[in-house]
Amino acid sequence: TLDRSRNALQRAGEEPIRLTPLETSLLETLMLNAGRVLTSDTLVNAVWGAEGGDRAMLKQLIYRLRAKIEPDTANPTYVETVPGVGYGFAATAP
């Protein structure tokens, strides 16, 4: 469960995982679109909006988010990369 007001992710039986506001925004966007691939541009706009961001910033944010939520960052099971397109959240994450 993602608690946007506390910037935290809670998995059953585990301690809450603290997230930054940007990580929370990114994860919320991905979770709301679980099973779909979102383009990098769509995610940059959803996270940074009018303030602007870029693909390099998104890539770094994905890296930081995976470090917090993935059991094995070398083999992500939650946040999927679709080369040349963007990212998605696994519809049936473990």
PDB file of N, CA and C in Angstrom:
ATOM      1  N   THR A   1       0.852  -1.179   0.000  1.00  0.00           N
ATOM      2  CA  THR A   1       0.000   0.000   0.000  1.00  0.00           C
ATOM      3  C   THR A   1       0.891   1.234   0.000  1.00  0.00           C
ATOM      4  N   LEU A   2       0.567   2.167  -0.872  1.00  0.00           N
ATOM      5  CA  LEU A   2       1.311   3.415  -0.943  1.00  0.00           C
ATOM      6  C   LEU A   2       0.564   4.478  -0.150  1.00  0.00           C
ATOM      7  N   ASP A   3       1.230   5.046   0.843  1.00  0.00           N
ATOM      8  CA  ASP A   3       0.652   6.112   1.656  1.00  0.00           C
ATOM      9  C   ASP A   3       1.257   7.427   1.190  1.00  0.00           C
ATOM     10  N   ARG A   4       0.522   8.105   0.325  1.00  0.00           N
ATOM     11  CA  ARG A   4       1.029   9.341  -0.279  1.00  0.00           C
ATOM     12  C   ARG A   4       1.241  10.422   0.766  1.00  0.00           C
ATOM     13  N   SER A   5       0.381  10.493   1.764  1.00  0.00           N
ATOM     14  CA  SER A   5       0.494  11.545   2.778  1.00  0.00           C
ATOM     15  C   SER A   5       1.749  11.387   3.635  1.00  0.00           C
ATOM     16  N   ARG A   6       2.249  10.168   3.763  1.00  0.00           N
ATOM     17  CA  ARG A   6       3.452   9.906   4.568  1.00  0.00           C
ATOM     18  C   ARG A   6       4.682   9.588   3.722  1.00  0.00           C
ATOM     19  N   ASN A   7       4.498   9.574   2.404  1.00  0.00           N
ATOM     20  CA  ASN A   7       5.593   9.194   1.510  1.00  0.00           C
ATOM     21  C   ASN A   7       6.217   7.876   1.954  1.00  0.00           C
ATOM     22  N   ALA A   8       5.358   6.862   2.026  1.00  0.00           N
ATOM     23  CA  ALA A   8       5.824   5.555   2.485  1.00  0.00           C
ATOM     24  C   ALA A   8       5.092   4.434   1.747  1.00  0.00           C
ATOM     25  N   LEU A   9       5.808   3.339   1.569  1.00  0.00           N
ATOM     26  CA  LEU A   9       5.245   2.136   0.972  1.00  0.00           C
ATOM     27  C   LEU A   9       5.190   1.080   2.063  1.00  0.00           C
ATOM     28  N   GLN A  10       4.044   0.450   2.220  1.00  0.00           N
ATOM     29  CA  GLN A  10       3.866  -0.575   3.248  1.00  0.00           C
ATOM     30  C   GLN A  10       3.512  -1.888   2.576  1.00  0.00           C
ATOM     31  N   ARG A  11       4.361  -2.902   2.780  1.00  0.00           N
ATOM     32  CA  ARG A  11       4.059  -4.245   2.298  1.00  0.00           C
ATOM     33  C   ARG A  11       3.645  -5.086   3.493  1.00  0.00           C
ATOM     34  N   ALA A  12       2.765  -6.029   3.255  1.00  0.00           N
ATOM     35  CA  ALA A  12       2.229  -6.876   4.321  1.00  0.00           C
ATOM     36  C   ALA A  12       3.347  -7.492   5.150  1.00  0.00           C
ATOM     37  N   GLY A  13       3.284  -7.289   6.457  1.00  0.00           N
ATOM     38  CA  GLY A  13       4.231  -7.890   7.373  1.00  0.00           C
ATOM     39  C   GLY A  13       5.616  -7.269   7.380  1.00  0.00           C
ATOM     40  N   GLU A  14       5.796  -6.142   6.710  1.00  0.00           N
ATOM     41  CA  GLU A  14       7.115  -5.504   6.659  1.00  0.00           C
ATOM     42  C   GLU A  14       7.048  -4.089   7.209  1.00  0.00           C
ATOM     43  N   GLU A  15       8.212  -3.566   7.536  1.00  0.00           N
ATOM     44  CA  GLU A  15       8.309  -2.177   7.987  1.00  0.00           C
ATOM     45  C   GLU A  15       8.036  -1.246   6.804  1.00  0.00           C
ATOM     46  N   PRO A  16       7.479  -0.067   7.057  1.00  0.00           N
ATOM     47  CA  PRO A  16       7.257   0.885   5.969  1.00  0.00           C
ATOM     48  C   PRO A  16       8.579   1.302   5.322  1.00  0.00           C
ATOM     49  N   ILE A  17       8.538   1.508   4.035  1.00  0.00           N
ATOM     50  CA  ILE A  17       9.697   1.975   3.280  1.00  0.00           C
ATOM     51  C   ILE A  17       9.495   3.458   3.030  1.00  0.00           C
ATOM     52  N   ARG A  18      10.399   4.278   3.544  1.00  0.00           N
ATOM     53  CA  ARG A  18      10.300   5.731   3.375  1.00  0.00           C
ATOM     54  C   ARG A  18      10.717   6.109   1.963  1.00  0.00           C
ATOM     55  N   LEU A  19       9.937   6.978   1.349  1.00  0.00           N
ATOM     56  CA  LEU A  19      10.213   7.451   0.002  1.00  0.00           C
ATOM     57  C   LEU A  19      10.306   8.970  -0.011  1.00  0.00           C
ATOM     58  N   THR A  20      10.989   9.506  -0.994  1.00  0.00           N
ATOM     59  CA  THR A  20      10.992  10.948  -1.186  1.00  0.00           C
ATOM     60  C   THR A  20       9.686  11.324  -1.889  1.00  0.00           C
ATOM     61  N   PRO A  21       9.305  12.590  -1.873  1.00  0.00           N
ATOM     62  CA  PRO A  21       8.092  12.995  -2.608  1.00  0.00           C
ATOM     63  C   PRO A  21       8.157  12.642  -4.102  1.00  0.00           C
ATOM     64  N   LEU A  22       9.319  12.788  -4.722  1.00  0.00           N
ATOM     65  CA  LEU A  22       9.430  12.430  -6.140  1.00  0.00           C
ATOM     66  C   LEU A  22       9.280  10.922  -6.349  1.00  0.00           C
ATOM     67  N   GLU A  23       9.882  10.129  -5.478  1.00  0.00           N
ATOM     68  CA  GLU A  23       9.742   8.670  -5.568  1.00  0.00           C
ATOM     69  C   GLU A  23       8.287   8.267  -5.384  1.00  0.00           C
ATOM     70  N   THR A  24       7.603   8.923  -4.452  1.00  0.00           N
ATOM     71  CA  THR A  24       6.187   8.632  -4.207  1.00  0.00           C
ATOM     72  C   THR A  24       5.359   8.958  -5.436  1.00  0.00           C
ATOM     73  N   SER A  25       5.608  10.104  -6.034  1.00  0.00           N
ATOM     74  CA  SER A  25       4.871  10.509  -7.236  1.00  0.00           C
ATOM     75  C   SER A  25       5.097   9.527  -8.382  1.00  0.00           C
ATOM     76  N   LEU A  26       6.340   9.131  -8.573  1.00  0.00           N
ATOM     77  CA  LEU A  26       6.661   8.166  -9.620  1.00  0.00           C
ATOM     78  C   LEU A  26       5.988   6.828  -9.357  1.00  0.00           C
ATOM     79  N   LEU A  27       6.113   6.317  -8.143  1.00  0.00           N
ATOM     80  CA  LEU A  27       5.528   5.019  -7.819  1.00  0.00           C
ATOM     81  C   LEU A  27       4.010   5.060  -7.927  1.00  0.00           C
ATOM     82  N   GLU A  28       3.395   6.131  -7.494  1.00  0.00           N
ATOM     83  CA  GLU A  28       1.937   6.264  -7.598  1.00  0.00           C
ATOM     84  C   GLU A  28       1.504   6.219  -9.064  1.00  0.00           C
ATOM     85  N   THR A  29       2.205   6.955  -9.918  1.00  0.00           N
ATOM     86  CA  THR A  29       1.867   6.960 -11.338  1.00  0.00           C
ATOM     87  C   THR A  29       2.014   5.563 -11.936  1.00  0.00           C
ATOM     88  N   LEU A  30       3.093   4.886 -11.600  1.00  0.00           N
ATOM     89  CA  LEU A  30       3.301   3.529 -12.105  1.00  0.00           C
ATOM     90  C   LEU A  30       2.233   2.568 -11.586  1.00  0.00           C
ATOM     91  N   MET A  31       1.920   2.648 -10.296  1.00  0.00           N
ATOM     92  CA  MET A  31       0.938   1.734  -9.705  1.00  0.00           C
ATOM     93  C   MET A  31      -0.459   1.965 -10.269  1.00  0.00           C
ATOM     94  N   LEU A  32      -0.821   3.225 -10.505  1.00  0.00           N
ATOM     95  CA  LEU A  32      -2.138   3.529 -11.075  1.00  0.00           C
ATOM     96  C   LEU A  32      -2.268   3.002 -12.499  1.00  0.00           C
ATOM     97  N   ASN A  33      -1.143   2.741 -13.129  1.00  0.00           N
ATOM     98  CA  ASN A  33      -1.128   2.237 -14.499  1.00  0.00           C
ATOM     99  C   ASN A  33      -0.501   0.848 -14.579  1.00  0.00           C
ATOM    100  N   ALA A  34      -0.659   0.068 -13.516  1.00  0.00           N
ATOM    101  CA  ALA A  34      -0.065  -1.275 -13.452  1.00  0.00           C
ATOM    102  C   ALA A  34      -0.467  -2.095 -14.671  1.00  0.00           C
ATOM    103  N   GLY A  35       0.531  -2.779 -15.226  1.00  0.00           N
ATOM    104  CA  GLY A  35       0.285  -3.614 -16.396  1.00  0.00           C
ATOM    105  C   GLY A  35       0.422  -2.866 -17.713  1.00  0.00           C
ATOM    106  N   ARG A  36       0.601  -1.552 -17.644  1.00  0.00           N
ATOM    107  CA  ARG A  36       0.774  -0.727 -18.845  1.00  0.00           C
ATOM    108  C   ARG A  36       2.190  -0.168 -18.865  1.00  0.00           C
ATOM    109  N   VAL A  37       2.694   0.078 -20.051  1.00  0.00           N
ATOM    110  CA  VAL A  37       3.998   0.703 -20.205  1.00  0.00           C
ATOM    111  C   VAL A  37       3.767   2.192 -20.441  1.00  0.00           C
ATOM    112  N   LEU A  38       4.422   3.018 -19.635  1.00  0.00           N
ATOM    113  CA  LEU A  38       4.333   4.466 -19.784  1.00  0.00           C
ATOM    114  C   LEU A  38       5.629   4.975 -20.388  1.00  0.00           C
ATOM    115  N   THR A  39       5.516   5.883 -21.334  1.00  0.00           N
ATOM    116  CA  THR A  39       6.717   6.423 -21.956  1.00  0.00           C
ATOM    117  C   THR A  39       7.493   7.248 -20.938  1.00  0.00           C
ATOM    118  N   SER A  40       8.768   7.388 -21.209  1.00  0.00           N
ATOM    119  CA  SER A  40       9.606   8.209 -20.335  1.00  0.00           C
ATOM    120  C   SER A  40       9.071   9.635 -20.274  1.00  0.00           C
ATOM    121  N   ASP A  41       8.638  10.181 -21.406  1.00  0.00           N
ATOM    122  CA  ASP A  41       8.101  11.540 -21.431  1.00  0.00           C
ATOM    123  C   ASP A  41       6.849  11.673 -20.568  1.00  0.00           C
ATOM    124  N   THR A  42       5.990  10.678 -20.599  1.00  0.00           N
ATOM    125  CA  THR A  42       4.781  10.688 -19.771  1.00  0.00           C
ATOM    126  C   THR A  42       5.158  10.705 -18.295  1.00  0.00           C
ATOM    127  N   LEU A  43       6.129   9.896 -17.919  1.00  0.00           N
ATOM    128  CA  LEU A  43       6.553   9.839 -16.520  1.00  0.00           C
ATOM    129  C   LEU A  43       7.247  11.121 -16.081  1.00  0.00           C
ATOM    130  N   VAL A  44       8.074  11.683 -16.931  1.00  0.00           N
ATOM    131  CA  VAL A  44       8.740  12.949 -16.598  1.00  0.00           C
ATOM    132  C   VAL A  44       7.681  14.015 -16.338  1.00  0.00           C
ATOM    133  N   ASN A  45       6.670  14.091 -17.196  1.00  0.00           N
ATOM    134  CA  ASN A  45       5.605  15.077 -17.030  1.00  0.00           C
ATOM    135  C   ASN A  45       4.796  14.814 -15.763  1.00  0.00           C
ATOM    136  N   ALA A  46       4.523  13.560 -15.454  1.00  0.00           N
ATOM    137  CA  ALA A  46       3.737  13.222 -14.258  1.00  0.00           C
ATOM    138  C   ALA A  46       4.493  13.552 -12.975  1.00  0.00           C
ATOM    139  N   VAL A  47       5.794  13.367 -12.972  1.00  0.00           N
ATOM    140  CA  VAL A  47       6.590  13.572 -11.761  1.00  0.00           C
ATOM    141  C   VAL A  47       7.008  15.033 -11.583  1.00  0.00           C
ATOM    142  N   TRP A  48       7.508  15.641 -12.642  1.00  0.00           N
ATOM    143  CA  TRP A  48       8.048  16.997 -12.521  1.00  0.00           C
ATOM    144  C   TRP A  48       7.105  18.075 -13.042  1.00  0.00           C
ATOM    145  N   GLY A  49       6.148  17.705 -13.882  1.00  0.00           N
ATOM    146  CA  GLY A  49       5.192  18.665 -14.407  1.00  0.00           C
ATOM    147  C   GLY A  49       5.855  19.860 -15.059  1.00  0.00           C
ATOM    148  N   ALA A  50       5.307  21.037 -14.789  1.00  0.00           N
ATOM    149  CA  ALA A  50       5.778  22.274 -15.411  1.00  0.00           C
ATOM    150  C   ALA A  50       7.199  22.645 -14.979  1.00  0.00           C
ATOM    151  N   GLU A  51       7.625  22.133 -13.822  1.00  0.00           N
ATOM    152  CA  GLU A  51       8.985  22.425 -13.351  1.00  0.00           C
ATOM    153  C   GLU A  51      10.026  21.844 -14.296  1.00  0.00           C
ATOM    154  N   GLY A  52       9.635  20.813 -14.962  1.00  0.00           N
ATOM    155  CA  GLY A  52      10.519  20.189 -15.934  1.00  0.00           C
ATOM    156  C   GLY A  52      11.494  19.214 -15.317  1.00  0.00           C
ATOM    157  N   GLY A  53      11.701  18.176 -16.021  1.00  0.00           N
ATOM    158  CA  GLY A  53      12.665  17.148 -15.686  1.00  0.00           C
ATOM    159  C   GLY A  53      13.154  16.616 -17.008  1.00  0.00           C
ATOM    160  N   ASP A  54      13.956  15.598 -16.986  1.00  0.00           N
ATOM    161  CA  ASP A  54      14.398  15.000 -18.238  1.00  0.00           C
ATOM    162  C   ASP A  54      14.594  13.500 -18.035  1.00  0.00           C
ATOM    163  N   ARG A  55      14.926  12.843 -19.110  1.00  0.00           N
ATOM    164  CA  ARG A  55      15.057  11.382 -19.056  1.00  0.00           C
ATOM    165  C   ARG A  55      16.192  10.934 -18.149  1.00  0.00           C
ATOM    166  N   ALA A  56      17.260  11.701 -18.108  1.00  0.00           N
ATOM    167  CA  ALA A  56      18.381  11.348 -17.220  1.00  0.00           C
ATOM    168  C   ALA A  56      17.937  11.425 -15.756  1.00  0.00           C
ATOM    169  N   MET A  57      17.155  12.448 -15.420  1.00  0.00           N
ATOM    170  CA  MET A  57      16.640  12.578 -14.050  1.00  0.00           C
ATOM    171  C   MET A  57      15.689  11.428 -13.738  1.00  0.00           C
ATOM    172  N   LEU A  58      14.848  11.041 -14.713  1.00  0.00           N
ATOM    173  CA  LEU A  58      13.926   9.924 -14.528  1.00  0.00           C
ATOM    174  C   LEU A  58      14.700   8.629 -14.307  1.00  0.00           C
ATOM    175  N   LYS A  59      15.720   8.409 -15.100  1.00  0.00           N
ATOM    176  CA  LYS A  59      16.524   7.190 -14.957  1.00  0.00           C
ATOM    177  C   LYS A  59      17.136   7.100 -13.558  1.00  0.00           C
ATOM    178  N   GLN A  60      17.643   8.218 -13.055  1.00  0.00           N
ATOM    179  CA  GLN A  60      18.221   8.245 -11.706  1.00  0.00           C
ATOM    180  C   GLN A  60      17.147   7.991 -10.646  1.00  0.00           C
ATOM    181  N   LEU A  61      15.959   8.559 -10.842  1.00  0.00           N
ATOM    182  CA  LEU A  61      14.859   8.361  -9.897  1.00  0.00           C
ATOM    183  C   LEU A  61      14.402   6.899  -9.893  1.00  0.00           C
ATOM    184  N   ILE A  62      14.333   6.291 -11.064  1.00  0.00           N
ATOM    185  CA  ILE A  62      13.990   4.861 -11.162  1.00  0.00           C
ATOM    186  C   ILE A  62      15.028   4.036 -10.403  1.00  0.00           C
ATOM    187  N   TYR A  63      16.296   4.367 -10.594  1.00  0.00           N
ATOM    188  CA  TYR A  63      17.394   3.665  -9.911  1.00  0.00           C
ATOM    189  C   TYR A  63      17.225   3.750  -8.395  1.00  0.00           C
ATOM    190  N   ARG A  64      16.958   4.958  -7.888  1.00  0.00           N
ATOM    191  CA  ARG A  64      16.803   5.143  -6.437  1.00  0.00           C
ATOM    192  C   ARG A  64      15.567   4.416  -5.912  1.00  0.00           C
ATOM    193  N   LEU A  65      14.467   4.451  -6.673  1.00  0.00           N
ATOM    194  CA  LEU A  65      13.250   3.763  -6.253  1.00  0.00           C
ATOM    195  C   LEU A  65      13.475   2.255  -6.206  1.00  0.00           C
ATOM    196  N   ARG A  66      14.101   1.724  -7.231  1.00  0.00           N
ATOM    197  CA  ARG A  66      14.385   0.282  -7.240  1.00  0.00           C
ATOM    198  C   ARG A  66      15.264  -0.130  -6.068  1.00  0.00           C
ATOM    199  N   ALA A  67      16.236   0.694  -5.719  1.00  0.00           N
ATOM    200  CA  ALA A  67      17.123   0.380  -4.595  1.00  0.00           C
ATOM    201  C   ALA A  67      16.332   0.230  -3.302  1.00  0.00           C
ATOM    202  N   LYS A  68      15.212   0.918  -3.207  1.00  0.00           N
ATOM    203  CA  LYS A  68      14.399   0.858  -1.989  1.00  0.00           C
ATOM    204  C   LYS A  68      13.359  -0.264  -2.009  1.00  0.00           C
ATOM    205  N   ILE A  69      12.796  -0.575  -3.183  1.00  0.00           N
ATOM    206  CA  ILE A  69      11.653  -1.500  -3.188  1.00  0.00           C
ATOM    207  C   ILE A  69      11.913  -2.865  -3.812  1.00  0.00           C
ATOM    208  N   GLU A  70      12.958  -3.000  -4.600  1.00  0.00           N
ATOM    209  CA  GLU A  70      13.210  -4.274  -5.275  1.00  0.00           C
ATOM    210  C   GLU A  70      14.047  -5.207  -4.406  1.00  0.00           C
ATOM    211  N   PRO A  71      13.672  -6.479  -4.309  1.00  0.00           N
ATOM    212  CA  PRO A  71      14.505  -7.439  -3.584  1.00  0.00           C
ATOM    213  C   PRO A  71      15.872  -7.614  -4.239  1.00  0.00           C
ATOM    214  N   ASP A  72      15.909  -7.554  -5.575  1.00  0.00           N
ATOM    215  CA  ASP A  72      17.154  -7.721  -6.335  1.00  0.00           C
ATOM    216  C   ASP A  72      17.140  -6.685  -7.459  1.00  0.00           C
ATOM    217  N   THR A  73      17.905  -5.616  -7.292  1.00  0.00           N
ATOM    218  CA  THR A  73      17.873  -4.530  -8.276  1.00  0.00           C
ATOM    219  C   THR A  73      18.404  -4.956  -9.649  1.00  0.00           C
ATOM    220  N   ALA A  74      19.214  -6.002  -9.684  1.00  0.00           N
ATOM    221  CA  ALA A  74      19.719  -6.495 -10.962  1.00  0.00           C
ATOM    222  C   ALA A  74      18.630  -7.223 -11.754  1.00  0.00           C
ATOM    223  N   ASN A  75      17.620  -7.717 -11.056  1.00  0.00           N
ATOM    224  CA  ASN A  75      16.490  -8.418 -11.675  1.00  0.00           C
ATOM    225  C   ASN A  75      15.183  -7.862 -11.103  1.00  0.00           C
ATOM    226  N   PRO A  76      14.813  -6.643 -11.485  1.00  0.00           N
ATOM    227  CA  PRO A  76      13.624  -6.015 -10.901  1.00  0.00           C
ATOM    228  C   PRO A  76      12.336  -6.780 -11.198  1.00  0.00           C
ATOM    229  N   THR A  77      11.485  -6.859 -10.197  1.00  0.00           N
ATOM    230  CA  THR A  77      10.207  -7.538 -10.360  1.00  0.00           C
ATOM    231  C   THR A  77       9.023  -6.582 -10.295  1.00  0.00           C
ATOM    232  N   TYR A  78       9.231  -5.404  -9.774  1.00  0.00           N
ATOM    233  CA  TYR A  78       8.142  -4.426  -9.654  1.00  0.00           C
ATOM    234  C   TYR A  78       8.179  -3.400 -10.784  1.00  0.00           C
ATOM    235  N   VAL A  79       9.277  -2.675 -10.900  1.00  0.00           N
ATOM    236  CA  VAL A  79       9.412  -1.624 -11.909  1.00  0.00           C
ATOM    237  C   VAL A  79      10.169  -2.201 -13.101  1.00  0.00           C
ATOM    238  N   GLU A  80       9.432  -2.367 -14.189  1.00  0.00           N
ATOM    239  CA  GLU A  80       9.998  -2.981 -15.390  1.00  0.00           C
ATOM    240  C   GLU A  80      10.470  -1.916 -16.377  1.00  0.00           C
ATOM    241  N   THR A  81      11.583  -2.192 -17.035  1.00  0.00           N
ATOM    242  CA  THR A  81      12.077  -1.330 -18.106  1.00  0.00           C
ATOM    243  C   THR A  81      11.688  -1.954 -19.439  1.00  0.00           C
ATOM    244  N   VAL A  82      11.128  -1.137 -20.318  1.00  0.00           N
ATOM    245  CA  VAL A  82      10.831  -1.573 -21.679  1.00  0.00           C
ATOM    246  C   VAL A  82      11.725  -0.734 -22.586  1.00  0.00           C
ATOM    247  N   PRO A  83      12.843  -1.320 -23.036  1.00  0.00           N
ATOM    248  CA  PRO A  83      13.829  -0.560 -23.813  1.00  0.00           C
ATOM    249  C   PRO A  83      13.197   0.192 -24.993  1.00  0.00           C
ATOM    250  N   GLY A  84      13.595   1.441 -25.122  1.00  0.00           N
ATOM    251  CA  GLY A  84      13.112   2.274 -26.207  1.00  0.00           C
ATOM    252  C   GLY A  84      11.721   2.834 -26.011  1.00  0.00           C
ATOM    253  N   VAL A  85      11.054   2.442 -24.928  1.00  0.00           N
ATOM    254  CA  VAL A  85       9.688   2.914 -24.686  1.00  0.00           C
ATOM    255  C   VAL A  85       9.581   3.651 -23.355  1.00  0.00           C
ATOM    256  N   GLY A  86       9.794   2.929 -22.263  1.00  0.00           N
ATOM    257  CA  GLY A  86       9.650   3.544 -20.952  1.00  0.00           C
ATOM    258  C   GLY A  86       9.664   2.516 -19.839  1.00  0.00           C
ATOM    259  N   TYR A  87       8.732   2.684 -18.915  1.00  0.00           N
ATOM    260  CA  TYR A  87       8.698   1.837 -17.715  1.00  0.00           C
ATOM    261  C   TYR A  87       7.268   1.430 -17.406  1.00  0.00           C
ATOM    262  N   GLY A  88       7.147   0.324 -16.669  1.00  0.00           N
ATOM    263  CA  GLY A  88       5.849  -0.134 -16.229  1.00  0.00           C
ATOM    264  C   GLY A  88       5.945  -0.747 -14.849  1.00  0.00           C
ATOM    265  N   PHE A  89       4.802  -0.887 -14.210  1.00  0.00           N
ATOM    266  CA  PHE A  89       4.723  -1.546 -12.911  1.00  0.00           C
ATOM    267  C   PHE A  89       4.079  -2.890 -13.143  1.00  0.00           C
ATOM    268  N   ALA A  90       4.698  -3.934 -12.662  1.00  0.00           N
ATOM    269  CA  ALA A  90       4.194  -5.294 -12.885  1.00  0.00           C
ATOM    270  C   ALA A  90       2.769  -5.428 -12.351  1.00  0.00           C
ATOM    271  N   ALA A  91       1.877  -5.900 -13.199  1.00  0.00           N
ATOM    272  CA  ALA A  91       0.482  -6.076 -12.820  1.00  0.00           C
ATOM    273  C   ALA A  91       0.332  -7.148 -11.755  1.00  0.00           C
ATOM    274  N   THR A  92       1.222  -8.119 -11.779  1.00  0.00           N
ATOM    275  CA  THR A  92       1.184  -9.205 -10.802  1.00  0.00           C
ATOM    276  C   THR A  92       2.527  -9.289 -10.101  1.00  0.00           C
ATOM    277  N   ALA A  93       2.859  -8.249  -9.361  1.00  0.00           N
ATOM    278  CA  ALA A  93       4.120  -8.237  -8.612  1.00  0.00           C
ATOM    279  C   ALA A  93       4.047  -9.255  -7.491  1.00  0.00           C
ATOM    280  N   PRO A  94       5.187  -9.832  -7.105  1.00  0.00           N
ATOM    281  CA  PRO A  94       5.201 -10.869  -6.057  1.00  0.00           C
ATOM    282  C   PRO A  94       4.699 -10.376  -4.724  1.00  0.00           C
TER     283      PRO A  94
END
